[in-house]
Each structure stands twice: as structure tokens, then as C-alpha cells.
Amino acid sequence: MEYEVHVMKVPNYTLDNIFEKNLLFLLPFYIFSHEKKLEEYNTNQEKLEKLKSEYKEIATRLEQLMETGKINAYTKNTIQEMSEKVLEHLAAKYEHVKEGVKSVMGGKILEYEAKTILNTGRKEGAFLKSVNGVYNLIMKKNFTKEEAFDMLEVTKEDRDIISELVDKKIEKLSIKT
């Protein structure tokens, strides 16, 4: 078999092209279109300001896409985080460029926000699943709480909170009946 592989060269795409064609996955690599000028940006404040202006435009356009529902907060923050990671490596020896662009893209605050949102949701979902699992084992299988905790491998740290929530759930049931 033979496949034709199309190569996308990021420097061939302007910001307008990327946003018009919805090629947002290219944004983290947009800094490569400036690779040859990084040293110049690092020593020339006026040129650095122009670069920062471009990245401010990226951040603004991503915010607009999120506000209109075309992307979600997770996607926006992930694009920003990946942009920072690429910048971190490409501009490693250009401190002014690194700090300037990072300050415009959201800085350290956004670096892990997307992951935090996702992980918080996952943890809350797993916690709720444990509460329901313990409750069901107690009510349907006549397990003790400790047996249910062991069966579901509930951590010692979570047992007190889950126990309290299960008790409230059982109490609500007894009030209704």
C-alpha cells in the first residue's frame, strides 16, 4: 500500500488562517513561525511587544470562541497550556520572550487549570460512586459498612466522610418510609 502524507508547515499559516479553518491544534506550534527572530525579540523591547500583541490576540480569540460555545474551557486552557509548553522549550534561552508571551497567555495560573477542573470532576464522580456502592451493599446485600468499604477498597481517609453520607442517605430513606 502507498499513502500520500500531507505535511502541514505551521509557518505557512497566519493566525487568521488558523482561526478561519478551525485549525486550533496548530496554535501551540505558532511560535515556530517566529523561531528565527526569537533572539531579536529577546533584546528588542519594541519587537517583543509586537509578539506579545499577537499572543494577546490568540488569547482573546480563544476566549471569544469559548464565550460563543465553539470550544469549552477545557479546550481553551489546554491550548494555552500546550502553547506555553512549546514556548518553554523553543525559547528556553530567551527569558524575555518566554516571560513576555507567558504573561499574555495567562501565566502560571492557567498552566494546570484545565487538568484541575477535569481531575476535580473525576474525583467527585468516584467519591459519589463509592457512597452509592457502600449504600447499595449495606441495603441490598446486608453488608456492614466495614465490609462494604473493604469490598470497594475505600481508602481510610475517605471512610469517615463516606460513612457520614451513607448514614444520611439511610436516614432519608427511613424518614420517607
N, C-alpha and C. Protein backbone atom coordinates (compact mmCIF):
# COMPACT_ATOMS: atom_id res chain seq x y z
N MET A 1 0.84 -1.18 0.00
CA MET A 1 0.00 0.00 0.00
C MET A 1 0.88 1.24 0.00
N GLU A 2 0.32 2.26 -0.56
CA GLU A 2 1.03 3.52 -0.60
C GLU A 2 0.10 4.61 -0.12
N TYR A 3 0.61 5.45 0.77
CA TYR A 3 -0.18 6.56 1.31
C TYR A 3 0.53 7.87 1.00
N GLU A 4 -0.26 8.85 0.67
CA GLU A 4 0.29 10.18 0.50
C GLU A 4 0.12 10.92 1.81
N VAL A 5 1.21 11.42 2.34
CA VAL A 5 1.16 12.12 3.61
C VAL A 5 1.29 13.61 3.33
N HIS A 6 0.31 14.35 3.81
CA HIS A 6 0.34 15.79 3.64
C HIS A 6 1.06 16.41 4.83
N VAL A 7 1.99 17.26 4.54
CA VAL A 7 2.76 17.91 5.59
C VAL A 7 2.20 19.32 5.79
N MET A 8 1.95 19.63 7.04
CA MET A 8 1.48 20.97 7.36
C MET A 8 2.65 21.74 7.94
N LYS A 9 2.96 22.85 7.35
CA LYS A 9 4.04 23.69 7.84
C LYS A 9 3.42 24.89 8.55
N VAL A 10 3.55 24.89 9.86
CA VAL A 10 2.91 25.93 10.67
C VAL A 10 3.30 27.33 10.21
N PRO A 11 4.57 27.59 9.87
CA PRO A 11 4.90 28.95 9.44
C PRO A 11 4.12 29.43 8.20
N ASN A 12 3.53 28.48 7.46
CA ASN A 12 2.74 28.87 6.28
C ASN A 12 1.33 29.34 6.63
N TYR A 13 0.95 29.21 7.90
CA TYR A 13 -0.39 29.58 8.34
C TYR A 13 -0.35 30.85 9.18
N THR A 14 -1.17 31.81 8.79
CA THR A 14 -1.30 33.01 9.61
C THR A 14 -2.30 32.73 10.72
N LEU A 15 -2.36 33.62 11.69
CA LEU A 15 -3.36 33.46 12.75
C LEU A 15 -4.76 33.43 12.18
N ASP A 16 -5.02 34.30 11.19
CA ASP A 16 -6.34 34.32 10.56
C ASP A 16 -6.65 32.97 9.91
N ASN A 17 -5.67 32.38 9.20
CA ASN A 17 -5.87 31.06 8.58
C ASN A 17 -6.22 30.01 9.63
N ILE A 18 -5.47 30.02 10.71
CA ILE A 18 -5.67 29.02 11.76
C ILE A 18 -7.08 29.13 12.34
N PHE A 19 -7.52 30.34 12.62
CA PHE A 19 -8.85 30.50 13.21
C PHE A 19 -9.97 30.31 12.17
N GLU A 20 -9.77 30.80 10.95
CA GLU A 20 -10.79 30.64 9.91
C GLU A 20 -11.02 29.17 9.56
N LYS A 21 -9.94 28.40 9.50
CA LYS A 21 -10.04 26.99 9.13
C LYS A 21 -10.21 26.08 10.34
N ASN A 22 -10.36 26.69 11.52
CA ASN A 22 -10.54 25.96 12.76
C ASN A 22 -9.41 24.94 13.00
N LEU A 23 -8.20 25.38 12.77
CA LEU A 23 -7.01 24.55 12.97
C LEU A 23 -6.36 24.89 14.31
N LEU A 24 -7.17 24.93 15.34
CA LEU A 24 -6.71 25.37 16.65
C LEU A 24 -5.58 24.50 17.20
N PHE A 25 -5.51 23.25 16.75
CA PHE A 25 -4.43 22.36 17.22
C PHE A 25 -3.06 22.87 16.78
N LEU A 26 -3.02 23.80 15.84
CA LEU A 26 -1.74 24.36 15.40
C LEU A 26 -1.26 25.50 16.31
N LEU A 27 -2.15 26.06 17.10
CA LEU A 27 -1.78 27.22 17.92
C LEU A 27 -0.58 26.99 18.83
N PRO A 28 -0.48 25.84 19.49
CA PRO A 28 0.71 25.67 20.34
C PRO A 28 2.03 25.76 19.56
N PHE A 29 1.97 25.49 18.27
CA PHE A 29 3.19 25.49 17.47
C PHE A 29 3.38 26.79 16.69
N TYR A 30 2.49 27.74 16.90
CA TYR A 30 2.56 29.01 16.18
C TYR A 30 3.88 29.73 16.45
N ILE A 31 4.45 29.55 17.61
CA ILE A 31 5.71 30.21 17.97
C ILE A 31 6.83 29.84 16.99
N PHE A 32 6.71 28.68 16.32
CA PHE A 32 7.73 28.28 15.35
C PHE A 32 7.81 29.26 14.18
N SER A 33 6.72 29.96 13.89
CA SER A 33 6.76 30.94 12.80
C SER A 33 7.63 32.13 13.18
N HIS A 34 8.01 32.24 14.44
CA HIS A 34 8.88 33.33 14.92
C HIS A 34 10.25 32.82 15.34
N GLU A 35 10.51 31.56 15.14
CA GLU A 35 11.73 30.94 15.66
C GLU A 35 13.00 31.68 15.28
N LYS A 36 13.12 32.14 14.04
CA LYS A 36 14.34 32.79 13.58
C LYS A 36 14.54 34.18 14.19
N LYS A 37 13.46 34.73 14.77
CA LYS A 37 13.56 36.09 15.31
C LYS A 37 13.56 36.12 16.85
N LEU A 38 13.60 34.98 17.49
CA LEU A 38 13.50 34.95 18.95
C LEU A 38 14.62 35.74 19.63
N GLU A 39 15.83 35.62 19.12
CA GLU A 39 16.95 36.35 19.73
C GLU A 39 16.72 37.87 19.61
N GLU A 40 16.20 38.27 18.46
CA GLU A 40 15.92 39.69 18.23
C GLU A 40 14.81 40.18 19.18
N TYR A 41 13.75 39.39 19.34
CA TYR A 41 12.68 39.75 20.26
C TYR A 41 13.19 39.86 21.69
N ASN A 42 14.12 39.00 22.03
CA ASN A 42 14.64 38.95 23.39
C ASN A 42 15.41 40.22 23.76
N THR A 43 16.01 40.87 22.75
CA THR A 43 16.83 42.06 23.00
C THR A 43 16.17 43.36 22.57
N ASN A 44 15.05 43.27 21.85
CA ASN A 44 14.40 44.48 21.35
C ASN A 44 12.98 44.56 21.93
N GLN A 45 12.79 45.46 22.88
CA GLN A 45 11.51 45.57 23.59
C GLN A 45 10.34 45.88 22.64
N GLU A 46 10.57 46.70 21.66
CA GLU A 46 9.50 47.08 20.72
C GLU A 46 9.02 45.85 19.93
N LYS A 47 9.95 45.05 19.47
CA LYS A 47 9.59 43.84 18.72
C LYS A 47 8.95 42.80 19.63
N LEU A 48 9.43 42.73 20.85
CA LEU A 48 8.83 41.81 21.82
C LEU A 48 7.38 42.20 22.08
N GLU A 49 7.10 43.48 22.14
CA GLU A 49 5.73 43.95 22.36
C GLU A 49 4.81 43.53 21.20
N LYS A 50 5.34 43.54 19.97
CA LYS A 50 4.54 43.09 18.82
C LYS A 50 4.22 41.60 18.94
N LEU A 51 5.22 40.82 19.36
CA LEU A 51 5.00 39.39 19.56
C LEU A 51 3.96 39.16 20.66
N LYS A 52 4.10 39.89 21.76
CA LYS A 52 3.14 39.77 22.85
C LYS A 52 1.73 40.15 22.38
N SER A 53 1.66 41.13 21.51
CA SER A 53 0.37 41.56 20.97
C SER A 53 -0.29 40.43 20.17
N GLU A 54 0.50 39.70 19.41
CA GLU A 54 -0.03 38.55 18.67
C GLU A 54 -0.59 37.49 19.62
N TYR A 55 0.15 37.24 20.69
CA TYR A 55 -0.31 36.23 21.64
C TYR A 55 -1.51 36.72 22.46
N LYS A 56 -1.60 38.00 22.66
CA LYS A 56 -2.79 38.56 23.32
C LYS A 56 -4.00 38.35 22.41
N GLU A 57 -3.79 38.52 21.12
CA GLU A 57 -4.87 38.28 20.14
C GLU A 57 -5.30 36.81 20.18
N ILE A 58 -4.35 35.90 20.27
CA ILE A 58 -4.68 34.47 20.36
C ILE A 58 -5.54 34.22 21.60
N ALA A 59 -5.09 34.76 22.73
CA ALA A 59 -5.84 34.56 23.98
C ALA A 59 -7.24 35.15 23.88
N THR A 60 -7.36 36.32 23.29
CA THR A 60 -8.67 36.97 23.13
C THR A 60 -9.58 36.16 22.21
N ARG A 61 -9.03 35.68 21.11
CA ARG A 61 -9.85 34.90 20.17
C ARG A 61 -10.28 33.56 20.78
N LEU A 62 -9.41 32.95 21.55
CA LEU A 62 -9.80 31.70 22.23
C LEU A 62 -10.91 31.98 23.24
N GLU A 63 -10.80 33.10 23.95
CA GLU A 63 -11.83 33.48 24.91
C GLU A 63 -13.17 33.70 24.20
N GLN A 64 -13.14 34.35 23.04
CA GLN A 64 -14.36 34.59 22.27
C GLN A 64 -14.98 33.27 21.80
N LEU A 65 -14.14 32.34 21.35
CA LEU A 65 -14.64 31.03 20.93
C LEU A 65 -15.31 30.30 22.09
N MET A 66 -14.72 30.45 23.26
CA MET A 66 -15.30 29.80 24.43
C MET A 66 -16.63 30.46 24.81
N GLU A 67 -16.68 31.78 24.77
CA GLU A 67 -17.90 32.50 25.14
C GLU A 67 -19.05 32.21 24.18
N THR A 68 -18.72 31.94 22.92
CA THR A 68 -19.77 31.63 21.94
C THR A 68 -20.10 30.14 21.89
N GLY A 69 -19.41 29.35 22.71
CA GLY A 69 -19.70 27.93 22.79
C GLY A 69 -19.06 27.08 21.72
N LYS A 70 -18.16 27.65 20.94
CA LYS A 70 -17.50 26.88 19.89
C LYS A 70 -16.41 25.97 20.45
N ILE A 71 -15.85 26.35 21.59
CA ILE A 71 -14.94 25.49 22.32
C ILE A 71 -15.31 25.60 23.80
N ASN A 72 -14.89 24.62 24.59
CA ASN A 72 -15.17 24.70 26.03
C ASN A 72 -13.93 25.20 26.77
N ALA A 73 -14.09 25.45 28.06
CA ALA A 73 -13.00 25.98 28.87
C ALA A 73 -11.82 25.02 28.90
N TYR A 74 -12.11 23.73 28.93
CA TYR A 74 -11.04 22.73 28.96
C TYR A 74 -10.18 22.83 27.69
N THR A 75 -10.82 22.95 26.53
CA THR A 75 -10.09 23.05 25.26
C THR A 75 -9.26 24.33 25.23
N LYS A 76 -9.87 25.44 25.62
CA LYS A 76 -9.16 26.72 25.62
C LYS A 76 -7.93 26.65 26.52
N ASN A 77 -8.11 26.17 27.74
CA ASN A 77 -6.99 26.12 28.68
C ASN A 77 -5.93 25.13 28.25
N THR A 78 -6.34 24.04 27.62
CA THR A 78 -5.38 23.05 27.13
C THR A 78 -4.53 23.64 26.01
N ILE A 79 -5.16 24.37 25.09
CA ILE A 79 -4.40 25.02 24.01
C ILE A 79 -3.40 26.01 24.60
N GLN A 80 -3.84 26.78 25.58
CA GLN A 80 -2.94 27.73 26.21
C GLN A 80 -1.80 27.02 26.94
N GLU A 81 -2.12 25.96 27.63
CA GLU A 81 -1.10 25.21 28.37
C GLU A 81 -0.08 24.60 27.40
N MET A 82 -0.57 24.01 26.32
CA MET A 82 0.35 23.40 25.35
C MET A 82 1.20 24.47 24.66
N SER A 83 0.61 25.63 24.41
CA SER A 83 1.37 26.74 23.82
C SER A 83 2.52 27.13 24.73
N GLU A 84 2.24 27.19 26.03
CA GLU A 84 3.29 27.53 27.00
C GLU A 84 4.37 26.47 27.04
N LYS A 85 3.98 25.21 26.94
CA LYS A 85 4.98 24.12 26.99
C LYS A 85 5.91 24.18 25.78
N VAL A 86 5.33 24.42 24.59
CA VAL A 86 6.16 24.52 23.38
C VAL A 86 7.08 25.74 23.50
N LEU A 87 6.50 26.86 23.95
CA LEU A 87 7.29 28.08 24.14
C LEU A 87 8.43 27.84 25.12
N GLU A 88 8.14 27.16 26.20
CA GLU A 88 9.13 26.86 27.24
C GLU A 88 10.36 26.17 26.64
N HIS A 89 10.13 25.25 25.73
CA HIS A 89 11.25 24.50 25.14
C HIS A 89 11.93 25.27 24.00
N LEU A 90 11.12 25.89 23.14
CA LEU A 90 11.69 26.58 21.98
C LEU A 90 12.45 27.84 22.40
N ALA A 91 11.91 28.55 23.36
CA ALA A 91 12.52 29.81 23.78
C ALA A 91 13.27 29.67 25.10
N ALA A 92 13.78 28.50 25.36
CA ALA A 92 14.44 28.23 26.65
C ALA A 92 15.55 29.23 26.96
N LYS A 93 16.29 29.66 25.98
CA LYS A 93 17.41 30.57 26.25
C LYS A 93 17.04 32.04 26.01
N TYR A 94 15.75 32.31 25.80
CA TYR A 94 15.29 33.69 25.59
C TYR A 94 14.29 34.07 26.68
N GLU A 95 14.82 34.43 27.83
CA GLU A 95 14.00 34.65 29.03
C GLU A 95 12.93 35.73 28.83
N HIS A 96 13.28 36.83 28.18
CA HIS A 96 12.30 37.92 27.97
C HIS A 96 11.15 37.46 27.08
N VAL A 97 11.45 36.68 26.07
CA VAL A 97 10.41 36.15 25.18
C VAL A 97 9.51 35.21 25.96
N LYS A 98 10.11 34.29 26.68
CA LYS A 98 9.35 33.31 27.45
C LYS A 98 8.40 34.00 28.42
N GLU A 99 8.93 34.87 29.23
CA GLU A 99 8.12 35.53 30.26
C GLU A 99 7.08 36.46 29.64
N GLY A 100 7.47 37.15 28.58
CA GLY A 100 6.54 38.08 27.93
C GLY A 100 5.32 37.37 27.35
N VAL A 101 5.55 36.31 26.60
CA VAL A 101 4.45 35.58 25.98
C VAL A 101 3.62 34.87 27.04
N LYS A 102 4.28 34.28 28.04
CA LYS A 102 3.53 33.59 29.11
C LYS A 102 2.62 34.55 29.86
N SER A 103 3.08 35.76 30.08
CA SER A 103 2.26 36.73 30.81
C SER A 103 1.00 37.08 30.03
N VAL A 104 1.08 37.09 28.73
CA VAL A 104 -0.08 37.42 27.89
C VAL A 104 -1.03 36.23 27.75
N MET A 105 -0.47 35.02 27.72
CA MET A 105 -1.28 33.82 27.52
C MET A 105 -1.96 33.34 28.81
N GLY A 106 -1.63 33.91 29.92
CA GLY A 106 -2.32 33.51 31.14
C GLY A 106 -1.39 33.12 32.26
N GLY A 107 -0.12 32.94 31.97
CA GLY A 107 0.85 32.67 33.02
C GLY A 107 0.61 31.38 33.76
N LYS A 108 1.17 31.29 34.95
CA LYS A 108 1.13 30.07 35.75
C LYS A 108 -0.28 29.69 36.20
N ILE A 109 -1.16 30.67 36.36
CA ILE A 109 -2.50 30.38 36.87
C ILE A 109 -3.21 29.38 35.97
N LEU A 110 -3.07 29.52 34.66
CA LEU A 110 -3.79 28.64 33.74
C LEU A 110 -3.04 27.34 33.45
N GLU A 111 -1.80 27.26 33.86
CA GLU A 111 -0.98 26.12 33.46
C GLU A 111 -1.64 24.78 33.79
N TYR A 112 -2.28 24.68 34.94
CA TYR A 112 -2.88 23.42 35.31
C TYR A 112 -4.37 23.52 35.57
N GLU A 113 -4.98 24.64 35.23
CA GLU A 113 -6.39 24.83 35.49
C GLU A 113 -7.25 23.79 34.78
N ALA A 114 -6.96 23.52 33.53
CA ALA A 114 -7.76 22.54 32.79
C ALA A 114 -7.68 21.17 33.44
N LYS A 115 -6.49 20.78 33.84
CA LYS A 115 -6.32 19.48 34.49
C LYS A 115 -7.03 19.46 35.84
N THR A 116 -6.95 20.57 36.56
CA THR A 116 -7.60 20.65 37.86
C THR A 116 -9.10 20.49 37.73
N ILE A 117 -9.69 21.16 36.76
CA ILE A 117 -11.13 21.06 36.53
C ILE A 117 -11.51 19.61 36.23
N LEU A 118 -10.78 19.00 35.33
CA LEU A 118 -11.06 17.61 34.95
C LEU A 118 -10.87 16.66 36.12
N ASN A 119 -9.77 16.79 36.83
CA ASN A 119 -9.49 15.88 37.94
C ASN A 119 -10.46 16.05 39.10
N THR A 120 -10.90 17.28 39.34
CA THR A 120 -11.88 17.51 40.39
C THR A 120 -13.18 16.79 40.05
N GLY A 121 -13.60 16.90 38.81
CA GLY A 121 -14.81 16.20 38.37
C GLY A 121 -14.68 14.70 38.50
N ARG A 122 -13.54 14.19 38.13
CA ARG A 122 -13.30 12.75 38.24
C ARG A 122 -13.34 12.28 39.70
N LYS A 123 -12.69 13.06 40.57
CA LYS A 123 -12.65 12.67 41.98
C LYS A 123 -14.05 12.71 42.60
N GLU A 124 -14.81 13.78 42.28
CA GLU A 124 -16.17 13.87 42.81
C GLU A 124 -17.04 12.72 42.30
N GLY A 125 -16.87 12.36 41.04
CA GLY A 125 -17.62 11.24 40.48
C GLY A 125 -17.27 9.92 41.15
N ALA A 126 -15.98 9.70 41.38
CA ALA A 126 -15.54 8.47 42.04
C ALA A 126 -16.03 8.43 43.49
N PHE A 127 -16.03 9.59 44.13
CA PHE A 127 -16.49 9.67 45.52
C PHE A 127 -17.97 9.33 45.61
N LEU A 128 -18.76 9.91 44.71
CA LEU A 128 -20.20 9.64 44.68
C LEU A 128 -20.47 8.16 44.38
N LYS A 129 -19.68 7.60 43.50
CA LYS A 129 -19.82 6.17 43.17
C LYS A 129 -19.55 5.31 44.42
N SER A 130 -18.55 5.70 45.22
CA SER A 130 -18.25 4.97 46.45
C SER A 130 -19.39 5.06 47.45
N VAL A 131 -19.97 6.27 47.59
CA VAL A 131 -21.09 6.44 48.51
C VAL A 131 -22.24 5.53 48.09
N ASN A 132 -22.58 5.57 46.82
CA ASN A 132 -23.68 4.74 46.32
C ASN A 132 -23.36 3.25 46.43
N GLY A 133 -22.12 2.89 46.17
CA GLY A 133 -21.72 1.49 46.26
C GLY A 133 -21.83 0.95 47.68
N VAL A 134 -21.35 1.72 48.65
CA VAL A 134 -21.43 1.32 50.05
C VAL A 134 -22.89 1.21 50.46
N TYR A 135 -23.67 2.22 50.11
CA TYR A 135 -25.10 2.23 50.44
C TYR A 135 -25.79 0.98 49.89
N ASN A 136 -25.56 0.68 48.63
CA ASN A 136 -26.20 -0.49 48.00
C ASN A 136 -25.77 -1.81 48.64
N LEU A 137 -24.51 -1.93 48.99
CA LEU A 137 -24.05 -3.17 49.64
C LEU A 137 -24.69 -3.33 51.02
N ILE A 138 -24.85 -2.23 51.72
CA ILE A 138 -25.48 -2.30 53.05
C ILE A 138 -26.96 -2.64 52.92
N MET A 139 -27.65 -1.94 52.04
CA MET A 139 -29.10 -2.08 51.94
C MET A 139 -29.54 -3.34 51.20
N LYS A 140 -28.83 -3.73 50.18
CA LYS A 140 -29.27 -4.85 49.34
C LYS A 140 -28.59 -6.17 49.69
N LYS A 141 -27.38 -6.11 50.21
CA LYS A 141 -26.61 -7.33 50.47
C LYS A 141 -26.36 -7.56 51.96
N ASN A 142 -26.87 -6.66 52.79
CA ASN A 142 -26.71 -6.76 54.24
C ASN A 142 -25.24 -6.77 54.70
N PHE A 143 -24.41 -6.04 54.00
CA PHE A 143 -23.01 -5.89 54.41
C PHE A 143 -22.95 -4.89 55.57
N THR A 144 -21.92 -5.00 56.38
CA THR A 144 -21.64 -3.93 57.33
C THR A 144 -20.90 -2.84 56.56
N LYS A 145 -20.80 -1.66 57.14
CA LYS A 145 -20.05 -0.59 56.47
C LYS A 145 -18.61 -1.02 56.22
N GLU A 146 -18.00 -1.60 57.22
CA GLU A 146 -16.60 -2.01 57.09
C GLU A 146 -16.43 -3.04 55.97
N GLU A 147 -17.35 -3.98 55.87
CA GLU A 147 -17.27 -4.98 54.79
C GLU A 147 -17.43 -4.30 53.44
N ALA A 148 -18.36 -3.34 53.37
CA ALA A 148 -18.58 -2.61 52.11
C ALA A 148 -17.34 -1.80 51.75
N PHE A 149 -16.76 -1.12 52.75
CA PHE A 149 -15.53 -0.35 52.50
C PHE A 149 -14.42 -1.24 51.96
N ASP A 150 -14.25 -2.39 52.59
CA ASP A 150 -13.21 -3.31 52.17
C ASP A 150 -13.48 -3.85 50.76
N MET A 151 -14.73 -4.20 50.52
CA MET A 151 -15.12 -4.74 49.21
C MET A 151 -14.83 -3.72 48.09
N LEU A 152 -15.14 -2.46 48.37
CA LEU A 152 -14.96 -1.41 47.36
C LEU A 152 -13.60 -0.74 47.43
N GLU A 153 -12.75 -1.20 48.34
CA GLU A 153 -11.40 -0.67 48.51
C GLU A 153 -11.40 0.84 48.76
N VAL A 154 -12.30 1.29 49.64
CA VAL A 154 -12.37 2.70 50.01
C VAL A 154 -11.19 3.01 50.93
N THR A 155 -10.50 4.10 50.62
CA THR A 155 -9.32 4.46 51.42
C THR A 155 -9.73 4.84 52.84
N LYS A 156 -8.81 4.69 53.75
CA LYS A 156 -9.06 5.03 55.16
C LYS A 156 -9.41 6.51 55.31
N GLU A 157 -8.79 7.37 54.50
CA GLU A 157 -9.05 8.81 54.56
C GLU A 157 -10.49 9.14 54.18
N ASP A 158 -11.06 8.40 53.24
CA ASP A 158 -12.42 8.69 52.75
C ASP A 158 -13.52 8.03 53.56
N ARG A 159 -13.19 7.07 54.38
CA ARG A 159 -14.21 6.27 55.08
C ARG A 159 -15.12 7.11 55.98
N ASP A 160 -14.56 8.04 56.75
CA ASP A 160 -15.40 8.84 57.65
C ASP A 160 -16.43 9.66 56.89
N ILE A 161 -15.98 10.32 55.85
CA ILE A 161 -16.89 11.17 55.07
C ILE A 161 -17.95 10.32 54.37
N ILE A 162 -17.52 9.22 53.76
CA ILE A 162 -18.47 8.34 53.07
C ILE A 162 -19.45 7.74 54.08
N SER A 163 -18.96 7.37 55.23
CA SER A 163 -19.82 6.80 56.27
C SER A 163 -20.92 7.79 56.65
N GLU A 164 -20.53 9.03 56.82
CA GLU A 164 -21.50 10.08 57.18
C GLU A 164 -22.55 10.26 56.09
N LEU A 165 -22.11 10.28 54.85
CA LEU A 165 -23.04 10.46 53.72
C LEU A 165 -23.97 9.26 53.57
N VAL A 166 -23.45 8.07 53.77
CA VAL A 166 -24.28 6.86 53.71
C VAL A 166 -25.32 6.90 54.82
N ASP A 167 -24.91 7.30 56.03
CA ASP A 167 -25.86 7.41 57.15
C ASP A 167 -26.99 8.38 56.81
N LYS A 168 -26.64 9.51 56.22
CA LYS A 168 -27.67 10.50 55.84
C LYS A 168 -28.62 9.92 54.80
N LYS A 169 -28.07 9.17 53.86
CA LYS A 169 -28.89 8.55 52.82
C LYS A 169 -29.85 7.53 53.44
N ILE A 170 -29.35 6.74 54.38
CA ILE A 170 -30.18 5.74 55.06
C ILE A 170 -31.24 6.45 55.90
N GLU A 171 -30.85 7.54 56.56
CA GLU A 171 -31.79 8.31 57.38
C GLU A 171 -32.93 8.88 56.53
N LYS A 172 -32.60 9.40 55.35
CA LYS A 172 -33.63 9.94 54.45
C LYS A 172 -34.61 8.85 54.04
N LEU A 173 -34.07 7.66 53.80
CA LEU A 173 -34.92 6.54 53.41
C LEU A 173 -35.88 6.17 54.54
N SER A 174 -35.37 6.15 55.77
CA SER A 174 -36.22 5.77 56.90
C SER A 174 -37.27 6.85 57.20
N ILE A 175 -36.96 8.09 56.91
CA ILE A 175 -37.94 9.17 57.10
C ILE A 175 -39.09 9.03 56.11
N LYS A 176 -38.76 8.66 54.86
CA LYS A 176 -39.77 8.51 53.81
C LYS A 176 -40.68 7.34 54.09
N THR A 177 -40.18 6.26 54.71
CA THR A 177 -41.00 5.06 54.93
C THR A 177 -41.71 5.07 56.26
